[in-house]
N, C-alpha and C. Protein backbone atom coordinates (compact mmCIF):
# COMPACT_ATOMS: atom_id res chain seq x y z
N MET A 1 -40.38 -11.10 25.28
CA MET A 1 -39.87 -11.74 23.94
C MET A 1 -38.62 -10.42 22.98
N ASP A 2 -37.33 -10.73 23.26
CA ASP A 2 -36.54 -9.44 22.87
C ASP A 2 -36.48 -9.98 21.11
N THR A 3 -36.99 -8.47 20.71
CA THR A 3 -36.72 -8.57 19.26
C THR A 3 -35.54 -7.42 19.08
N GLU A 4 -34.76 -7.30 19.73
CA GLU A 4 -33.30 -6.38 19.15
C GLU A 4 -32.38 -7.53 18.78
N ARG A 5 -31.46 -7.45 17.64
CA ARG A 5 -31.04 -8.00 16.72
C ARG A 5 -29.37 -7.62 16.57
N THR A 6 -28.46 -8.78 16.92
CA THR A 6 -27.55 -8.41 16.92
C THR A 6 -27.13 -8.55 15.46
N THR A 7 -26.50 -7.76 14.35
CA THR A 7 -25.99 -8.57 13.04
C THR A 7 -24.14 -8.56 13.27
N LYS A 8 -23.71 -9.61 13.02
CA LYS A 8 -22.06 -9.63 12.76
C LYS A 8 -21.45 -9.48 11.36
N ALA A 9 -20.62 -8.69 11.06
CA ALA A 9 -20.23 -8.80 9.12
C ALA A 9 -19.54 -10.25 8.73
N ARG A 10 -19.56 -10.47 7.84
CA ARG A 10 -19.09 -11.69 7.37
C ARG A 10 -18.05 -11.90 7.27
N GLY A 11 -17.46 -12.73 7.61
CA GLY A 11 -16.12 -13.11 7.98
C GLY A 11 -15.45 -12.50 8.68
N SER A 12 -16.22 -11.90 9.81
CA SER A 12 -15.29 -11.12 10.93
C SER A 12 -15.70 -12.64 11.99
N LYS A 13 -14.22 -11.80 12.90
CA LYS A 13 -13.90 -12.97 13.64
C LYS A 13 -13.95 -11.94 15.41
N PRO A 14 -14.06 -12.75 16.21
CA PRO A 14 -13.98 -11.82 17.42
C PRO A 14 -12.75 -11.31 17.85
N THR A 15 -12.68 -10.84 19.10
CA THR A 15 -11.61 -9.67 18.92
C THR A 15 -10.09 -11.14 19.67
N GLY A 16 -10.62 -12.02 20.39
CA GLY A 16 -10.25 -12.90 20.91
C GLY A 16 -9.40 -13.91 20.12
N ASP A 17 -9.61 -14.36 19.12
CA ASP A 17 -9.52 -14.92 18.40
C ASP A 17 -8.34 -14.20 17.10
N ARG A 18 -8.09 -12.70 16.64
CA ARG A 18 -7.82 -12.50 16.28
C ARG A 18 -5.88 -12.28 16.62
N ARG A 19 -5.27 -12.67 15.54
CA ARG A 19 -3.60 -12.58 16.45
C ARG A 19 -2.93 -10.89 16.02
N ARG A 20 -2.48 -10.05 17.04
CA ARG A 20 -2.02 -9.04 17.18
C ARG A 20 -0.63 -8.94 16.99
N HIS A 21 0.12 -8.33 15.63
CA HIS A 21 1.13 -8.81 15.60
C HIS A 21 1.89 -7.27 15.64
N PRO A 22 2.44 -6.53 16.83
CA PRO A 22 3.61 -5.61 16.67
C PRO A 22 4.13 -4.95 15.37
N VAL A 23 4.70 -5.96 15.10
CA VAL A 23 5.70 -5.44 13.90
C VAL A 23 4.82 -4.93 12.62
N ARG A 24 3.91 -5.47 12.39
CA ARG A 24 3.18 -5.11 11.34
C ARG A 24 2.37 -4.34 11.95
N LYS A 25 1.99 -3.97 13.03
CA LYS A 25 1.59 -2.71 13.41
C LYS A 25 2.39 -1.63 13.24
N ALA A 26 3.28 -1.71 13.78
CA ALA A 26 4.72 -0.82 13.61
C ALA A 26 4.81 0.30 12.37
N VAL A 27 4.53 -1.13 10.92
CA VAL A 27 4.99 -1.00 9.67
C VAL A 27 3.99 -0.03 9.74
N ARG A 28 2.94 -0.18 9.48
CA ARG A 28 1.57 0.29 9.00
C ARG A 28 1.47 1.45 9.76
N ASN A 29 1.50 1.69 11.11
CA ASN A 29 2.08 3.34 11.67
C ASN A 29 3.06 4.25 11.13
N VAL A 30 4.15 3.41 10.68
CA VAL A 30 5.12 4.44 9.63
C VAL A 30 4.89 4.52 8.40
N GLY A 31 4.04 3.64 8.30
CA GLY A 31 3.30 3.67 7.10
C GLY A 31 2.21 5.26 7.19
N ILE A 32 1.28 5.40 7.68
CA ILE A 32 0.79 6.30 7.58
C ILE A 32 1.36 7.52 8.03
N VAL A 33 2.64 7.45 8.60
CA VAL A 33 3.19 8.74 9.25
C VAL A 33 4.11 9.50 8.04
N LEU A 34 4.67 8.54 7.05
CA LEU A 34 4.87 8.67 5.62
C LEU A 34 3.84 9.44 4.99
N ASP A 35 3.11 9.12 4.99
CA ASP A 35 2.16 9.51 3.99
C ASP A 35 1.40 10.82 4.15
N THR A 36 1.36 10.97 5.61
CA THR A 36 0.98 12.51 6.17
C THR A 36 1.84 12.95 5.94
N ALA A 37 3.31 13.13 5.95
CA ALA A 37 4.30 14.32 5.66
C ALA A 37 4.71 14.49 4.26
N ALA A 38 4.13 13.17 3.32
CA ALA A 38 4.24 13.59 1.99
C ALA A 38 3.36 14.15 1.36
N ARG A 39 1.98 14.28 1.78
CA ARG A 39 0.99 15.09 1.57
C ARG A 39 0.91 16.53 1.79
N VAL A 40 1.86 16.64 3.49
CA VAL A 40 2.38 18.14 3.83
C VAL A 40 2.99 18.49 2.57
N VAL A 41 3.62 18.26 2.44
CA VAL A 41 5.37 18.35 1.69
C VAL A 41 4.79 18.41 0.05
N PHE A 42 3.80 17.77 -0.44
CA PHE A 42 3.53 18.14 -1.93
C PHE A 42 2.12 18.99 -2.11
N LEU A 43 1.16 18.73 -0.90
CA LEU A 43 0.13 19.38 -1.10
C LEU A 43 -0.17 21.15 -0.05
N GLY A 44 0.70 21.20 0.79
CA GLY A 44 0.89 21.93 1.60
C GLY A 44 -0.29 21.69 2.47
N ARG A 45 -0.33 22.02 3.98
CA ARG A 45 -1.49 22.11 5.08
C ARG A 45 -3.06 21.84 4.38
N ASP A 46 -3.19 22.68 3.29
CA ASP A 46 -4.81 22.62 3.25
C ASP A 46 -5.20 20.95 2.30
N GLY A 47 -4.29 19.90 1.63
CA GLY A 47 -4.35 19.03 1.27
C GLY A 47 -4.60 18.09 2.81
N VAL A 48 -4.26 18.37 3.84
CA VAL A 48 -4.05 17.26 4.66
C VAL A 48 -5.36 17.97 5.56
N PHE A 49 -5.10 18.92 6.38
CA PHE A 49 -5.70 19.81 7.10
C PHE A 49 -7.24 20.66 6.59
N LYS A 50 -8.03 20.18 6.06
CA LYS A 50 -9.26 21.19 5.77
C LYS A 50 -10.31 21.56 6.55
N ALA A 51 -10.71 22.24 6.83
CA ALA A 51 -10.93 23.23 7.85
C ALA A 51 -12.42 24.13 6.93
């Protein structure tokens, strides 16, 4: 008898059913880069890289 349970998050779909949009991904990545650059400019390196 196998007692291991697997749980699936509600509303999640298997990876195969998810559509991949390369333009959406590129726009998101550019947004992340711009956000990081703005943090460095306004907060300095300590605002981004906390050691």
